């Protein structure tokens, strides 16, 4: 990242993790992707 922070967490904790970041002043914290089963690849949307 260019001065940013990349964090991973389990899917069931996403809401809690985002809430913590937002509460601490990181208003732009957001989900940017997910890890899934299957063959390796990248899908951009």
N, C-alpha and C. Protein backbone atom coordinates (compact mmCIF):
# COMPACT_ATOMS: atom_id res chain seq x y z
N UNK A 1 0.85 -1.19 0.00
CA UNK A 1 0.00 0.00 0.00
C UNK A 1 0.89 1.24 0.00
N UNK A 2 0.32 2.35 -0.33
CA UNK A 2 1.05 3.62 -0.35
C UNK A 2 0.67 4.43 0.88
N UNK A 3 1.18 4.02 2.01
CA UNK A 3 0.86 4.70 3.26
C UNK A 3 -0.43 4.22 3.89
N UNK A 4 -1.09 3.26 3.26
CA UNK A 4 -2.34 2.73 3.80
C UNK A 4 -2.10 1.53 4.69
N UNK A 5 -3.16 0.92 5.13
CA UNK A 5 -3.11 -0.25 5.99
C UNK A 5 -4.02 -1.31 5.40
N UNK A 6 -3.48 -2.51 5.21
CA UNK A 6 -4.26 -3.62 4.68
C UNK A 6 -4.44 -4.63 5.81
N UNK A 7 -5.69 -4.96 6.12
CA UNK A 7 -6.02 -5.85 7.24
C UNK A 7 -6.88 -6.98 6.73
N UNK A 8 -6.68 -8.17 7.26
CA UNK A 8 -7.58 -9.28 6.93
C UNK A 8 -8.23 -9.79 8.22
N UNK A 9 -9.45 -10.30 8.08
CA UNK A 9 -10.15 -10.88 9.22
C UNK A 9 -11.16 -11.88 8.69
N UNK A 10 -11.70 -12.70 9.57
CA UNK A 10 -12.70 -13.67 9.16
C UNK A 10 -14.00 -12.94 8.78
N UNK A 11 -14.74 -13.54 7.87
CA UNK A 11 -15.96 -12.91 7.35
C UNK A 11 -16.95 -12.58 8.46
N UNK A 12 -17.01 -13.40 9.49
CA UNK A 12 -17.99 -13.15 10.56
C UNK A 12 -17.59 -12.00 11.48
N UNK A 13 -16.41 -11.44 11.32
CA UNK A 13 -15.95 -10.32 12.15
C UNK A 13 -15.86 -9.00 11.40
N UNK A 14 -16.23 -8.99 10.12
CA UNK A 14 -16.08 -7.79 9.29
C UNK A 14 -16.78 -6.58 9.92
N UNK A 15 -18.03 -6.73 10.31
CA UNK A 15 -18.77 -5.61 10.89
C UNK A 15 -18.10 -5.06 12.13
N UNK A 16 -17.66 -5.94 12.99
CA UNK A 16 -17.00 -5.52 14.24
C UNK A 16 -15.68 -4.80 13.95
N UNK A 17 -14.90 -5.35 13.03
CA UNK A 17 -13.61 -4.74 12.69
C UNK A 17 -13.81 -3.36 12.06
N UNK A 18 -14.74 -3.24 11.12
CA UNK A 18 -15.01 -1.94 10.51
C UNK A 18 -15.50 -0.93 11.54
N UNK A 19 -16.34 -1.38 12.45
CA UNK A 19 -16.85 -0.48 13.50
C UNK A 19 -15.69 0.07 14.33
N UNK A 20 -14.75 -0.77 14.67
CA UNK A 20 -13.58 -0.34 15.46
C UNK A 20 -12.79 0.71 14.69
N UNK A 21 -12.49 0.43 13.42
CA UNK A 21 -11.74 1.39 12.62
C UNK A 21 -12.49 2.71 12.48
N UNK A 22 -13.77 2.66 12.20
CA UNK A 22 -14.56 3.88 12.05
C UNK A 22 -14.59 4.67 13.36
N UNK A 23 -14.76 3.97 14.47
CA UNK A 23 -14.80 4.62 15.78
C UNK A 23 -13.46 5.31 16.09
N UNK A 24 -12.37 4.77 15.56
CA UNK A 24 -11.05 5.34 15.81
C UNK A 24 -10.67 6.42 14.80
N UNK A 25 -11.61 6.81 13.95
CA UNK A 25 -11.37 7.92 13.03
C UNK A 25 -10.98 7.53 11.62
N UNK A 26 -11.01 6.25 11.30
CA UNK A 26 -10.67 5.80 9.95
C UNK A 26 -11.97 5.63 9.15
N UNK A 27 -12.56 6.77 8.78
CA UNK A 27 -13.88 6.77 8.13
C UNK A 27 -13.88 6.07 6.78
N UNK A 28 -12.74 5.99 6.11
CA UNK A 28 -12.70 5.38 4.79
C UNK A 28 -12.39 3.88 4.84
N UNK A 29 -12.27 3.31 6.02
CA UNK A 29 -12.03 1.86 6.12
C UNK A 29 -13.16 1.12 5.43
N UNK A 30 -12.81 0.14 4.61
CA UNK A 30 -13.83 -0.56 3.82
C UNK A 30 -13.33 -1.94 3.42
N UNK A 31 -14.26 -2.81 3.10
CA UNK A 31 -13.94 -4.12 2.55
C UNK A 31 -13.56 -3.91 1.08
N UNK A 32 -12.41 -4.48 0.68
CA UNK A 32 -11.97 -4.32 -0.71
C UNK A 32 -11.87 -5.65 -1.45
N UNK A 33 -12.16 -6.76 -0.77
CA UNK A 33 -12.09 -8.05 -1.44
C UNK A 33 -12.38 -9.19 -0.48
N UNK A 34 -12.27 -10.39 -1.00
CA UNK A 34 -12.48 -11.58 -0.18
C UNK A 34 -11.65 -12.73 -0.73
N UNK A 35 -11.32 -13.66 0.13
CA UNK A 35 -10.61 -14.88 -0.25
C UNK A 35 -11.64 -15.98 -0.36
N UNK A 36 -11.63 -16.70 -1.47
CA UNK A 36 -12.59 -17.77 -1.69
C UNK A 36 -11.86 -19.04 -2.12
N UNK A 37 -12.55 -20.16 -2.01
CA UNK A 37 -12.01 -21.43 -2.48
C UNK A 37 -12.02 -21.48 -3.99
N UNK A 38 -11.15 -22.30 -4.54
CA UNK A 38 -11.14 -22.48 -5.98
C UNK A 38 -9.78 -22.19 -6.57
N UNK A 39 -9.70 -22.25 -7.88
CA UNK A 39 -8.42 -21.99 -8.54
C UNK A 39 -7.99 -20.54 -8.32
N UNK A 40 -6.68 -20.34 -8.30
CA UNK A 40 -6.15 -18.99 -8.09
C UNK A 40 -6.60 -18.08 -9.21
N UNK A 41 -6.89 -16.84 -8.86
CA UNK A 41 -7.30 -15.87 -9.87
C UNK A 41 -7.66 -14.55 -9.22
N UNK A 42 -7.89 -13.58 -10.04
CA UNK A 42 -8.24 -12.24 -9.58
C UNK A 42 -9.41 -11.74 -10.42
N UNK A 43 -10.44 -11.27 -9.75
CA UNK A 43 -11.60 -10.71 -10.45
C UNK A 43 -11.75 -9.26 -10.03
N UNK A 44 -11.71 -8.35 -10.98
CA UNK A 44 -11.90 -6.92 -10.70
C UNK A 44 -13.31 -6.54 -11.08
N UNK A 45 -13.96 -5.77 -10.20
CA UNK A 45 -15.33 -5.34 -10.47
C UNK A 45 -15.42 -3.85 -10.39
